Amino acid sequence: MGFNILSGADRPMFAGQIIQYKVSPFPGIKTKWVTEITHVKEGEYFVDEQRFGPYALWHHKHFLKKNDVGVEMEDIIDYKIPFGILGQLAHPILVKKQLKQIFKYRENKLIELFGKIKGVPNVLEFKSI
């Protein structure tokens, strides 16, 4: 999606923090995406919610859990596609595939930076409402 952070991510995370991005949901189309960090418990979880952007609804929970070999990260995303029936038709073909690519990229980047923890499953849950 070509995430480009415009503002708001230049300080430690806090509830009420607004982060603005430019994203490209489809080739040649750029839009602004504004999220708010609504909940933070340092070292345990945080939640970001879309205030303006490409989704009709976006609620993303990030859970962190220390274990004997590192830190597990679990994502739970509840979202709704705009454009009614047209959006629902595009969901399995475009949107869900794109979300999986975005989080696969993040997974690969984390592995590149910190290494892979053997035996720890990747947990990513998408719920289209």
Protein backbone atom coordinates (compact mmCIF):
# COMPACT_ATOMS: atom_id res chain seq x y z
CA MET A 1 0.00 0.00 0.00
CA GLY A 2 3.01 2.31 -0.07
CA PHE A 3 2.71 3.58 3.50
CA ASN A 4 4.34 6.96 3.94
CA ILE A 5 4.05 8.44 7.45
CA LEU A 6 3.33 12.16 7.21
CA SER A 7 3.08 13.08 10.90
CA GLY A 8 2.35 11.92 14.42
CA ALA A 9 4.83 9.05 14.83
CA ASP A 10 7.73 11.17 16.07
CA ARG A 11 7.21 10.51 19.79
CA PRO A 12 6.52 7.51 22.03
CA MET A 13 3.07 5.99 21.56
CA PHE A 14 0.20 7.28 23.72
CA ALA A 15 -3.60 7.03 23.79
CA GLY A 16 -5.05 9.82 21.67
CA GLN A 17 -2.05 9.97 19.34
CA ILE A 18 -3.04 10.81 15.76
CA ILE A 19 -0.86 9.43 12.95
CA GLN A 20 -1.30 10.58 9.35
CA TYR A 21 -0.15 8.55 6.35
CA LYS A 22 -0.32 8.66 2.59
CA VAL A 23 -1.26 5.25 1.22
CA SER A 24 -1.80 3.80 -2.21
CA PRO A 25 -4.57 1.19 -1.91
CA PHE A 26 -4.43 0.58 -5.67
CA PRO A 27 -1.75 1.43 -8.24
CA GLY A 28 -1.98 5.08 -9.24
CA ILE A 29 -4.41 5.99 -6.45
CA LYS A 30 -3.13 7.82 -3.36
CA THR A 31 -5.18 8.81 -0.36
CA LYS A 32 -4.69 10.05 3.17
CA TRP A 33 -5.14 7.66 6.07
CA VAL A 34 -5.52 8.98 9.60
CA THR A 35 -5.44 6.62 12.58
CA GLU A 36 -5.75 7.21 16.30
CA ILE A 37 -3.98 5.14 18.93
CA THR A 38 -6.92 4.58 21.27
CA HIS A 39 -5.44 2.22 23.86
CA VAL A 40 -1.89 1.53 25.01
CA LYS A 41 -0.51 -0.72 27.72
CA GLU A 42 3.25 -0.59 27.25
CA GLY A 43 4.79 -3.97 26.52
CA GLU A 44 1.36 -5.67 26.31
CA TYR A 45 -0.91 -4.18 23.64
CA PHE A 46 -2.05 -1.17 21.68
CA VAL A 47 -5.02 -0.42 19.43
CA ASP A 48 -5.22 1.78 16.36
CA GLU A 49 -8.50 2.89 14.80
CA GLN A 50 -9.01 4.64 11.48
CA ARG A 51 -10.44 8.14 11.71
CA PHE A 52 -10.24 8.83 7.97
CA GLY A 53 -9.11 6.60 5.15
CA PRO A 54 -9.76 3.79 2.71
CA TYR A 55 -11.89 1.59 4.98
CA ALA A 56 -15.44 2.10 6.22
CA LEU A 57 -14.13 0.71 9.56
CA TRP A 58 -10.62 -0.21 10.76
CA HIS A 59 -9.93 -1.46 14.30
CA HIS A 60 -6.50 -3.07 14.75
CA LYS A 61 -5.40 -4.69 18.01
CA HIS A 62 -1.70 -5.50 18.51
CA PHE A 63 -0.86 -7.87 21.39
CA LEU A 64 2.70 -8.47 22.61
CA LYS A 65 3.63 -11.38 24.83
CA LYS A 66 7.08 -12.17 26.20
CA ASN A 67 8.05 -15.83 26.27
CA ASP A 68 11.21 -17.82 26.95
CA VAL A 69 12.69 -17.15 23.50
CA GLY A 70 11.53 -13.64 22.63
CA VAL A 71 8.31 -11.72 22.07
CA GLU A 72 5.21 -12.94 20.24
CA MET A 73 3.07 -10.44 18.37
CA GLU A 74 -0.58 -11.14 17.60
CA ASP A 75 -2.70 -8.92 15.35
CA ILE A 76 -6.49 -8.90 15.30
CA ILE A 77 -8.04 -6.66 12.67
CA ASP A 78 -11.73 -5.89 12.36
CA TYR A 79 -12.56 -3.91 9.25
CA LYS A 80 -15.32 -3.05 6.81
CA ILE A 81 -14.87 -2.37 3.12
CA PRO A 82 -16.62 0.69 1.63
CA PHE A 83 -18.71 0.69 -1.56
CA GLY A 84 -21.37 -1.78 -0.46
CA ILE A 85 -21.79 -4.86 -2.65
CA LEU A 86 -18.97 -3.74 -4.97
CA GLY A 87 -16.60 -3.59 -2.00
CA GLN A 88 -17.71 -7.02 -0.85
CA LEU A 89 -17.07 -8.46 -4.30
CA ALA A 90 -13.57 -6.91 -4.35
CA HIS A 91 -12.76 -8.13 -0.84
CA PRO A 92 -11.52 -11.69 -1.56
CA ILE A 93 -9.81 -10.72 -4.80
CA LEU A 94 -8.07 -7.47 -3.85
CA VAL A 95 -8.41 -6.35 -0.25
CA LYS A 96 -7.80 -9.54 1.72
CA LYS A 97 -4.89 -10.45 -0.56
CA GLN A 98 -3.39 -6.97 -0.09
CA LEU A 99 -3.74 -7.15 3.70
CA LYS A 100 -1.99 -10.52 3.75
CA GLN A 101 0.85 -9.06 1.65
CA ILE A 102 1.23 -6.08 3.98
CA PHE A 103 1.51 -8.26 7.06
CA LYS A 104 3.77 -10.76 5.32
CA TYR A 105 6.08 -7.85 4.50
CA ARG A 106 6.04 -6.78 8.16
CA GLU A 107 6.72 -10.36 9.29
CA ASN A 108 9.68 -10.64 6.92
CA LYS A 109 11.05 -7.26 8.08
CA LEU A 110 10.80 -8.30 11.74
CA ILE A 111 12.56 -11.58 10.97
CA GLU A 112 15.26 -9.66 9.10
CA LEU A 113 15.77 -7.32 12.07
CA PHE A 114 15.36 -9.76 14.99
CA GLY A 115 15.51 -13.30 13.61
CA LYS A 116 12.91 -16.07 13.52
CA ILE A 117 11.77 -17.81 16.68
CA LYS A 118 11.37 -21.54 16.03
CA GLY A 119 8.10 -23.12 17.07
CA VAL A 120 6.21 -19.85 17.47
CA PRO A 121 3.24 -19.64 15.08
CA ASN A 122 2.32 -16.45 13.27
CA VAL A 123 -1.06 -15.22 14.49
CA LEU A 124 -2.94 -12.84 12.26
CA GLU A 125 -6.69 -12.66 12.25
CA PHE A 126 -8.74 -10.62 9.75
CA LYS A 127 -12.44 -10.08 10.34
CA SER A 128 -14.38 -8.34 7.62
CA ILE A 129 -17.59 -6.95 9.06
